PDB file of all heavy atoms in Angstrom:
ATOM      1  N   GLY A   1      98.701  81.150  66.500  1.00  0.00           N
ATOM      2  CA  GLY A   1      97.276  80.868  66.638  1.00  0.00           C
ATOM      3  C   GLY A   1      96.909  80.029  67.831  1.00  0.00           C
ATOM      4  O   GLY A   1      95.863  79.356  67.831  1.00  0.00           O
ATOM      5  N   SER A   2      97.726  80.075  68.886  1.00  0.00           N
ATOM      6  CA  SER A   2      97.404  79.336  70.099  1.00  0.00           C
ATOM      7  C   SER A   2      98.207  79.876  71.265  1.00  0.00           C
ATOM      8  O   SER A   2      99.236  80.534  71.088  1.00  0.00           O
ATOM      9  CB  SER A   2      97.681  77.837  69.929  1.00  0.00           C
ATOM     10  OG  SER A   2      99.072  77.609  69.774  1.00  0.00           O
ATOM     11  N   GLY A   3      97.737  79.576  72.472  1.00  0.00           N
ATOM     12  CA  GLY A   3      98.444  80.002  73.674  1.00  0.00           C
ATOM     13  C   GLY A   3      97.498  80.073  74.854  1.00  0.00           C
ATOM     14  O   GLY A   3      96.272  80.004  74.706  1.00  0.00           O
ATOM     15  N   LEU A   4      98.079  80.220  76.029  1.00  0.00           N
ATOM     16  CA  LEU A   4      97.308  80.304  77.260  1.00  0.00           C
ATOM     17  C   LEU A   4      97.984  81.295  78.194  1.00  0.00           C
ATOM     18  O   LEU A   4      99.191  81.191  78.445  1.00  0.00           O
ATOM     19  CB  LEU A   4      97.223  78.928  77.933  1.00  0.00           C
ATOM     20  CG  LEU A   4      96.633  78.868  79.348  1.00  0.00           C
ATOM     21  CD1 LEU A   4      95.192  79.364  79.368  1.00  0.00           C
ATOM     22  CD2 LEU A   4      96.733  77.444  79.904  1.00  0.00           C
ATOM     23  N   ILE A   5      97.218  82.237  78.705  1.00  0.00           N
ATOM     24  CA  ILE A   5      97.705  83.219  79.674  1.00  0.00           C
ATOM     25  C   ILE A   5      97.004  82.961  80.999  1.00  0.00           C
ATOM     26  O   ILE A   5      95.767  82.913  81.054  1.00  0.00           O
ATOM     27  CB  ILE A   5      97.443  84.656  79.189  1.00  0.00           C
ATOM     28  CG1 ILE A   5      98.230  84.923  77.908  1.00  0.00           C
ATOM     29  CG2 ILE A   5      97.818  85.670  80.270  1.00  0.00           C
ATOM     30  CD1 ILE A   5      97.841  86.201  77.216  1.00  0.00           C
ATOM     31  N   ILE A   6      97.790  82.803  82.051  1.00  0.00           N
ATOM     32  CA  ILE A   6      97.245  82.527  83.382  1.00  0.00           C
ATOM     33  C   ILE A   6      97.762  83.570  84.361  1.00  0.00           C
ATOM     34  O   ILE A   6      98.903  83.475  84.823  1.00  0.00           O
ATOM     35  CB  ILE A   6      97.622  81.116  83.872  1.00  0.00           C
ATOM     36  CG1 ILE A   6      97.134  80.048  82.887  1.00  0.00           C
ATOM     37  CG2 ILE A   6      97.056  80.863  85.267  1.00  0.00           C
ATOM     38  CD1 ILE A   6      97.550  78.638  83.260  1.00  0.00           C
ATOM     39  N   PRO A   7      96.967  84.578  84.685  1.00  0.00           N
ATOM     40  CA  PRO A   7      97.364  85.516  85.734  1.00  0.00           C
ATOM     41  C   PRO A   7      96.959  84.984  87.103  1.00  0.00           C
ATOM     42  O   PRO A   7      95.880  84.415  87.259  1.00  0.00           O
ATOM     43  CB  PRO A   7      96.573  86.777  85.386  1.00  0.00           C
ATOM     44  CG  PRO A   7      95.341  86.263  84.718  1.00  0.00           C
ATOM     45  CD  PRO A   7      95.730  84.989  84.007  1.00  0.00           C
ATOM     46  N   ILE A   8      97.826  85.151  88.095  1.00  0.00           N
ATOM     47  CA  ILE A   8      97.501  84.747  89.457  1.00  0.00           C
ATOM     48  C   ILE A   8      96.901  85.952  90.170  1.00  0.00           C
ATOM     49  O   ILE A   8      97.603  86.894  90.531  1.00  0.00           O
ATOM     50  CB  ILE A   8      98.733  84.232  90.211  1.00  0.00           C
ATOM     51  CG1 ILE A   8      99.413  83.115  89.420  1.00  0.00           C
ATOM     52  CG2 ILE A   8      98.323  83.734  91.598  1.00  0.00           C
ATOM     53  CD1 ILE A   8      98.544  81.924  89.125  1.00  0.00           C
ATOM     54  N   SER A   9      95.617  85.916  90.353  1.00  0.00           N
ATOM     55  CA  SER A   9      94.902  86.982  91.043  1.00  0.00           C
ATOM     56  C   SER A   9      94.743  86.587  92.507  1.00  0.00           C
ATOM     57  O   SER A   9      95.698  86.139  93.148  1.00  0.00           O
ATOM     58  CB  SER A   9      93.551  87.227  90.367  1.00  0.00           C
ATOM     59  OG  SER A   9      92.848  88.260  91.009  1.00  0.00           O
ATOM     60  N   SER A  10      93.542  86.705  93.043  1.00  0.00           N
ATOM     61  CA  SER A  10      93.291  86.441  94.451  1.00  0.00           C
ATOM     62  C   SER A  10      91.791  86.506  94.684  1.00  0.00           C
ATOM     63  O   SER A  10      91.046  87.074  93.875  1.00  0.00           O
ATOM     64  CB  SER A  10      93.989  87.507  95.312  1.00  0.00           C
ATOM     65  OG  SER A  10      93.549  87.464  96.652  1.00  0.00           O
ATOM     66  N   GLN A  11      91.341  85.924  95.794  1.00  0.00           N
ATOM     67  CA  GLN A  11      89.967  86.202  96.226  1.00  0.00           C
ATOM     68  C   GLN A  11      89.756  87.705  96.348  1.00  0.00           C
ATOM     69  O   GLN A  11      88.668  88.212  96.075  1.00  0.00           O
ATOM     70  CB  GLN A  11      89.688  85.543  97.578  1.00  0.00           C
ATOM     71  CG  GLN A  11      89.598  84.039  97.543  1.00  0.00           C
ATOM     72  CD  GLN A  11      89.289  83.447  98.901  1.00  0.00           C
ATOM     73  OE1 GLN A  11      89.491  84.086  99.932  1.00  0.00           O
ATOM     74  NE2 GLN A  11      88.798  82.212  98.919  1.00  0.00           N
ATOM     75  N   LEU A  12      90.821  88.411  96.745  1.00  0.00           N
ATOM     76  CA  LEU A  12      90.717  89.858  96.942  1.00  0.00           C
ATOM     77  C   LEU A  12      90.762  90.620  95.624  1.00  0.00           C
ATOM     78  O   LEU A  12      90.815  91.849  95.623  1.00  0.00           O
ATOM     79  CB  LEU A  12      91.827  90.341  97.881  1.00  0.00           C
ATOM     80  CG  LEU A  12      91.795  89.740  99.288  1.00  0.00           C
ATOM     81  CD1 LEU A  12      92.816  90.424 100.191  1.00  0.00           C
ATOM     82  CD2 LEU A  12      90.407  89.832  99.911  1.00  0.00           C
ATOM     83  N   GLY A  13      90.728  89.890  94.510  1.00  0.00           N
ATOM     84  CA  GLY A  13      90.514  90.531  93.222  1.00  0.00           C
ATOM     85  C   GLY A  13      89.042  90.712  92.918  1.00  0.00           C
ATOM     86  O   GLY A  13      88.671  91.301  91.898  1.00  0.00           O
ATOM     87  N   LYS A  14      88.190  90.218  93.825  1.00  0.00           N
ATOM     88  CA  LYS A  14      86.750  90.385  93.653  1.00  0.00           C
ATOM     89  C   LYS A  14      86.048  90.805  94.943  1.00  0.00           C
ATOM     90  O   LYS A  14      84.945  91.341  94.892  1.00  0.00           O
ATOM     91  CB  LYS A  14      86.128  89.072  93.147  1.00  0.00           C
ATOM     92  CG  LYS A  14      86.301  88.852  91.658  1.00  0.00           C
ATOM     93  CD  LYS A  14      85.479  89.848  90.855  1.00  0.00           C
ATOM     94  CE  LYS A  14      85.607  89.646  89.349  1.00  0.00           C
ATOM     95  NZ  LYS A  14      86.892  90.094  88.814  1.00  0.00           N
ATOM     96  N   VAL A  15      86.642  90.539  96.103  1.00  0.00           N
ATOM     97  CA  VAL A  15      86.082  90.986  97.379  1.00  0.00           C
ATOM     98  C   VAL A  15      87.134  91.815  98.103  1.00  0.00           C
ATOM     99  O   VAL A  15      88.327  91.698  97.829  1.00  0.00           O
ATOM    100  CB  VAL A  15      85.629  89.796  98.263  1.00  0.00           C
ATOM    101  CG1 VAL A  15      84.488  89.047  97.608  1.00  0.00           C
ATOM    102  CG2 VAL A  15      86.793  88.849  98.526  1.00  0.00           C
ATOM    103  N   ILE A  16      86.698  92.658  99.019  1.00  0.00           N
ATOM    104  CA  ILE A  16      87.584  93.638  99.634  1.00  0.00           C
ATOM    105  C   ILE A  16      87.613  93.456 101.143  1.00  0.00           C
ATOM    106  O   ILE A  16      86.566  93.411 101.796  1.00  0.00           O
ATOM    107  CB  ILE A  16      87.124  95.076  99.306  1.00  0.00           C
ATOM    108  CG1 ILE A  16      87.177  95.305  97.787  1.00  0.00           C
ATOM    109  CG2 ILE A  16      87.998  96.100 100.023  1.00  0.00           C
ATOM    110  CD1 ILE A  16      86.491  96.571  97.344  1.00  0.00           C
ATOM    111  N   VAL A  17      88.824  93.341 101.690  1.00  0.00           N
ATOM    112  CA  VAL A  17      89.041  93.338 103.129  1.00  0.00           C
ATOM    113  C   VAL A  17      89.593  94.703 103.515  1.00  0.00           C
ATOM    114  O   VAL A  17      90.619  95.121 102.964  1.00  0.00           O
ATOM    115  CB  VAL A  17      90.024  92.230 103.551  1.00  0.00           C
ATOM    116  CG1 VAL A  17      90.315  92.317 105.047  1.00  0.00           C
ATOM    117  CG2 VAL A  17      89.463  90.865 103.198  1.00  0.00           C
ATOM    118  N   PRO A  18      88.937  95.432 104.421  1.00  0.00           N
ATOM    119  CA  PRO A  18      89.461  96.750 104.815  1.00  0.00           C
ATOM    120  C   PRO A  18      90.890  96.672 105.327  1.00  0.00           C
ATOM    121  O   PRO A  18      91.297  95.673 105.925  1.00  0.00           O
ATOM    122  CB  PRO A  18      88.502  97.189 105.931  1.00  0.00           C
ATOM    123  CG  PRO A  18      87.248  96.424 105.687  1.00  0.00           C
ATOM    124  CD  PRO A  18      87.682  95.105 105.113  1.00  0.00           C
ATOM    125  N   PHE A  19      91.653  97.703 105.067  1.00  0.00           N
ATOM    126  CA  PHE A  19      93.024  97.856 105.538  1.00  0.00           C
ATOM    127  C   PHE A  19      93.996  96.893 104.870  1.00  0.00           C
ATOM    128  O   PHE A  19      95.052  96.589 105.414  1.00  0.00           O
ATOM    129  CB  PHE A  19      93.107  97.734 107.072  1.00  0.00           C
ATOM    130  CG  PHE A  19      92.131  98.621 107.797  1.00  0.00           C
ATOM    131  CD1 PHE A  19      91.137  98.073 108.594  1.00  0.00           C
ATOM    132  CD2 PHE A  19      92.196  99.996 107.663  1.00  0.00           C
ATOM    133  CE1 PHE A  19      90.221  98.880 109.246  1.00  0.00           C
ATOM    134  CE2 PHE A  19      91.293 100.828 108.318  1.00  0.00           C
ATOM    135  CZ  PHE A  19      90.304 100.274 109.119  1.00  0.00           C
ATOM    136  N   SER A  20      93.635  96.413 103.692  1.00  0.00           N
ATOM    137  CA  SER A  20      94.552  95.576 102.916  1.00  0.00           C
ATOM    138  C   SER A  20      95.357  96.398 101.921  1.00  0.00           C
ATOM    139  O   SER A  20      95.963  95.845 100.994  1.00  0.00           O
ATOM    140  CB  SER A  20      93.771  94.481 102.175  1.00  0.00           C
ATOM    141  OG  SER A  20      93.204  93.580 103.093  1.00  0.00           O
ATOM    142  N   GLY A  21      95.343  97.701 102.107  1.00  0.00           N
ATOM    143  CA  GLY A  21      96.148  98.579 101.263  1.00  0.00           C
ATOM    144  C   GLY A  21      95.726  98.549  99.812  1.00  0.00           C
ATOM    145  O   GLY A  21      94.540  98.447  99.485  1.00  0.00           O
ATOM    146  N   GLN A  22      96.708  98.624  98.928  1.00  0.00           N
ATOM    147  CA  GLN A  22      96.431  98.664  97.492  1.00  0.00           C
ATOM    148  C   GLN A  22      96.358  97.262  96.881  1.00  0.00           C
ATOM    149  O   GLN A  22      96.297  97.135  95.658  1.00  0.00           O
ATOM    150  CB  GLN A  22      97.538  99.466  96.777  1.00  0.00           C
ATOM    151  CG  GLN A  22      97.673 100.908  97.225  1.00  0.00           C
ATOM    152  CD  GLN A  22      96.547 101.786  96.695  1.00  0.00           C
ATOM    153  OE1 GLN A  22      95.503 101.291  96.271  1.00  0.00           O
ATOM    154  NE2 GLN A  22      96.744 103.088  96.711  1.00  0.00           N
ATOM    155  N   TYR A  23      96.342  96.225  97.716  1.00  0.00           N
ATOM    156  CA  TYR A  23      96.349  94.868  97.172  1.00  0.00           C
ATOM    157  C   TYR A  23      95.093  94.595  96.349  1.00  0.00           C
ATOM    158  O   TYR A  23      95.176  94.189  95.177  1.00  0.00           O
ATOM    159  CB  TYR A  23      96.481  93.848  98.299  1.00  0.00           C
ATOM    160  CG  TYR A  23      96.740  92.445  97.804  1.00  0.00           C
ATOM    161  CD1 TYR A  23      97.983  92.095  97.274  1.00  0.00           C
ATOM    162  CD2 TYR A  23      95.758  91.464  97.849  1.00  0.00           C
ATOM    163  CE1 TYR A  23      98.240  90.818  96.810  1.00  0.00           C
ATOM    164  CE2 TYR A  23      96.007  90.180  97.393  1.00  0.00           C
ATOM    165  CZ  TYR A  23      97.242  89.860  96.881  1.00  0.00           C
ATOM    166  OH  TYR A  23      97.487  88.592  96.413  1.00  0.00           O
ATOM    167  N   SER A  24      93.921  94.802  96.947  1.00  0.00           N
ATOM    168  CA  SER A  24      92.685  94.584  96.184  1.00  0.00           C
ATOM    169  C   SER A  24      92.597  95.481  94.958  1.00  0.00           C
ATOM    170  O   SER A  24      92.242  95.001  93.869  1.00  0.00           O
ATOM    171  CB  SER A  24      91.455  94.775  97.073  1.00  0.00           C
ATOM    172  OG  SER A  24      91.149  93.589  97.763  1.00  0.00           O
ATOM    173  N   PRO A  25      92.899  96.787  95.053  1.00  0.00           N
ATOM    174  CA  PRO A  25      92.856  97.609  93.839  1.00  0.00           C
ATOM    175  C   PRO A  25      93.722  97.061  92.707  1.00  0.00           C
ATOM    176  O   PRO A  25      93.305  97.078  91.550  1.00  0.00           O
ATOM    177  CB  PRO A  25      93.361  98.973  94.337  1.00  0.00           C
ATOM    178  CG  PRO A  25      92.900  99.042  95.754  1.00  0.00           C
ATOM    179  CD  PRO A  25      93.063  97.634  96.260  1.00  0.00           C
ATOM    180  N   THR A  26      94.922  96.548  93.045  1.00  0.00           N
ATOM    181  CA  THR A  26      95.762  96.019  91.962  1.00  0.00           C
ATOM    182  C   THR A  26      95.188  94.714  91.409  1.00  0.00           C
ATOM    183  O   THR A  26      95.245  94.476  90.194  1.00  0.00           O
ATOM    184  CB  THR A  26      97.209  95.780  92.431  1.00  0.00           C
ATOM    185  OG1 THR A  26      97.237  94.822  93.501  1.00  0.00           O
ATOM    186  CG2 THR A  26      97.850  97.076  92.892  1.00  0.00           C
ATOM    187  N   LYS A  27      94.641  93.869  92.254  1.00  0.00           N
ATOM    188  CA  LYS A  27      94.086  92.601  91.767  1.00  0.00           C
ATOM    189  C   LYS A  27      92.784  92.824  91.006  1.00  0.00           C
ATOM    190  O   LYS A  27      92.494  92.099  90.041  1.00  0.00           O
ATOM    191  CB  LYS A  27      93.887  91.628  92.932  1.00  0.00           C
ATOM    192  CG  LYS A  27      95.187  91.161  93.570  1.00  0.00           C
ATOM    193  CD  LYS A  27      96.095  90.427  92.579  1.00  0.00           C
ATOM    194  CE  LYS A  27      97.327  89.843  93.257  1.00  0.00           C
ATOM    195  NZ  LYS A  27      98.195  89.110  92.325  1.00  0.00           N
ATOM    196  N   PHE A  28      91.974  93.813  91.410  1.00  0.00           N
ATOM    197  CA  PHE A  28      90.796  94.168  90.619  1.00  0.00           C
ATOM    198  C   PHE A  28      91.239  94.594  89.225  1.00  0.00           C
ATOM    199  O   PHE A  28      90.641  94.192  88.217  1.00  0.00           O
ATOM    200  CB  PHE A  28      90.029  95.305  91.293  1.00  0.00           C
ATOM    201  CG  PHE A  28      88.963  94.878  92.255  1.00  0.00           C
ATOM    202  CD1 PHE A  28      89.270  94.143  93.389  1.00  0.00           C
ATOM    203  CD2 PHE A  28      87.637  95.224  92.044  1.00  0.00           C
ATOM    204  CE1 PHE A  28      88.291  93.749  94.291  1.00  0.00           C
ATOM    205  CE2 PHE A  28      86.644  94.842  92.940  1.00  0.00           C
ATOM    206  CZ  PHE A  28      86.971  94.102  94.064  1.00  0.00           C
ATOM    207  N   ALA A  29      92.280  95.417  89.153  1.00  0.00           N
ATOM    208  CA  ALA A  29      92.776  95.875  87.851  1.00  0.00           C
ATOM    209  C   ALA A  29      93.319  94.716  87.035  1.00  0.00           C
ATOM    210  O   ALA A  29      93.086  94.623  85.816  1.00  0.00           O
ATOM    211  CB  ALA A  29      93.858  96.937  88.053  1.00  0.00           C
ATOM    212  N   LEU A  30      94.051  93.806  87.686  1.00  0.00           N
ATOM    213  CA  LEU A  30      94.588  92.635  86.988  1.00  0.00           C
ATOM    214  C   LEU A  30      93.463  91.796  86.398  1.00  0.00           C
ATOM    215  O   LEU A  30      93.546  91.336  85.248  1.00  0.00           O
ATOM    216  CB  LEU A  30      95.418  91.795  87.965  1.00  0.00           C
ATOM    217  CG  LEU A  30      96.054  90.526  87.401  1.00  0.00           C
ATOM    218  CD1 LEU A  30      97.180  90.874  86.428  1.00  0.00           C
ATOM    219  CD2 LEU A  30      96.575  89.639  88.523  1.00  0.00           C
ATOM    220  N   GLU A  31      92.399  91.606  87.165  1.00  0.00           N
ATOM    221  CA  GLU A  31      91.269  90.813  86.671  1.00  0.00           C
ATOM    222  C   GLU A  31      90.588  91.497  85.488  1.00  0.00           C
ATOM    223  O   GLU A  31      90.253  90.847  84.493  1.00  0.00           O
ATOM    224  CB  GLU A  31      90.269  90.576  87.805  1.00  0.00           C
ATOM    225  CG  GLU A  31      90.812  89.697  88.911  1.00  0.00           C
ATOM    226  CD  GLU A  31      89.927  88.501  89.198  1.00  0.00           C
ATOM    227  OE1 GLU A  31      88.883  88.342  88.548  1.00  0.00           O
ATOM    228  OE2 GLU A  31      90.312  87.706  90.092  1.00  0.00           O
ATOM    229  N   ALA A  32      90.365  92.795  85.598  1.00  0.00           N
ATOM    230  CA  ALA A  32      89.699  93.512  84.502  1.00  0.00           C
ATOM    231  C   ALA A  32      90.535  93.457  83.232  1.00  0.00           C
ATOM    232  O   ALA A  32      90.008  93.221  82.129  1.00  0.00           O
ATOM    233  CB  ALA A  32      89.445  94.960  84.915  1.00  0.00           C
ATOM    234  N   MET A  33      91.834  93.654  83.370  1.00  0.00           N
ATOM    235  CA  MET A  33      92.723  93.631  82.204  1.00  0.00           C
ATOM    236  C   MET A  33      92.696  92.270  81.527  1.00  0.00           C
ATOM    237  O   MET A  33      92.612  92.167  80.289  1.00  0.00           O
ATOM    238  CB  MET A  33      94.151  93.976  82.644  1.00  0.00           C
ATOM    239  CG  MET A  33      95.175  93.939  81.526  1.00  0.00           C
ATOM    240  SD  MET A  33      96.807  94.536  82.063  1.00  0.00           S
ATOM    241  CE  MET A  33      97.315  93.205  83.167  1.00  0.00           C
ATOM    242  N   ASN A  34      92.719  91.208  82.316  1.00  0.00           N
ATOM    243  CA  ASN A  34      92.767  89.878  81.728  1.00  0.00           C
ATOM    244  C   ASN A  34      91.411  89.421  81.205  1.00  0.00           C
ATOM    245  O   ASN A  34      91.358  88.660  80.239  1.00  0.00           O
ATOM    246  CB  ASN A  34      93.346  88.888  82.737  1.00  0.00           C
ATOM    247  CG  ASN A  34      94.849  88.956  82.785  1.00  0.00           C
ATOM    248  OD1 ASN A  34      95.537  88.332  81.976  1.00  0.00           O
ATOM    249  ND2 ASN A  34      95.392  89.758  83.700  1.00  0.00           N
ATOM    250  N   GLN A  35      90.317  89.872  81.802  1.00  0.00           N
ATOM    251  CA  GLN A  35      89.018  89.536  81.227  1.00  0.00           C
ATOM    252  C   GLN A  35      88.847  90.228  79.883  1.00  0.00           C
ATOM    253  O   GLN A  35      88.320  89.635  78.932  1.00  0.00           O
ATOM    254  CB  GLN A  35      87.878  89.916  82.174  1.00  0.00           C
ATOM    255  CG  GLN A  35      86.520  89.474  81.643  1.00  0.00           C
ATOM    256  CD  GLN A  35      85.463  89.343  82.716  1.00  0.00           C
ATOM    257  OE1 GLN A  35      85.758  89.341  83.907  1.00  0.00           O
ATOM    258  NE2 GLN A  35      84.214  89.232  82.307  1.00  0.00           N
TER     259      GLN A  35
END
């Protein structure tokens, strides 16, 4: 009945820099999964 999960995302989990490959897509997915 207790615990804490801390995923390390990134600014690029919410904003996108062109030519950053699949980094932002994976961090967007990580954020959605954890929310």
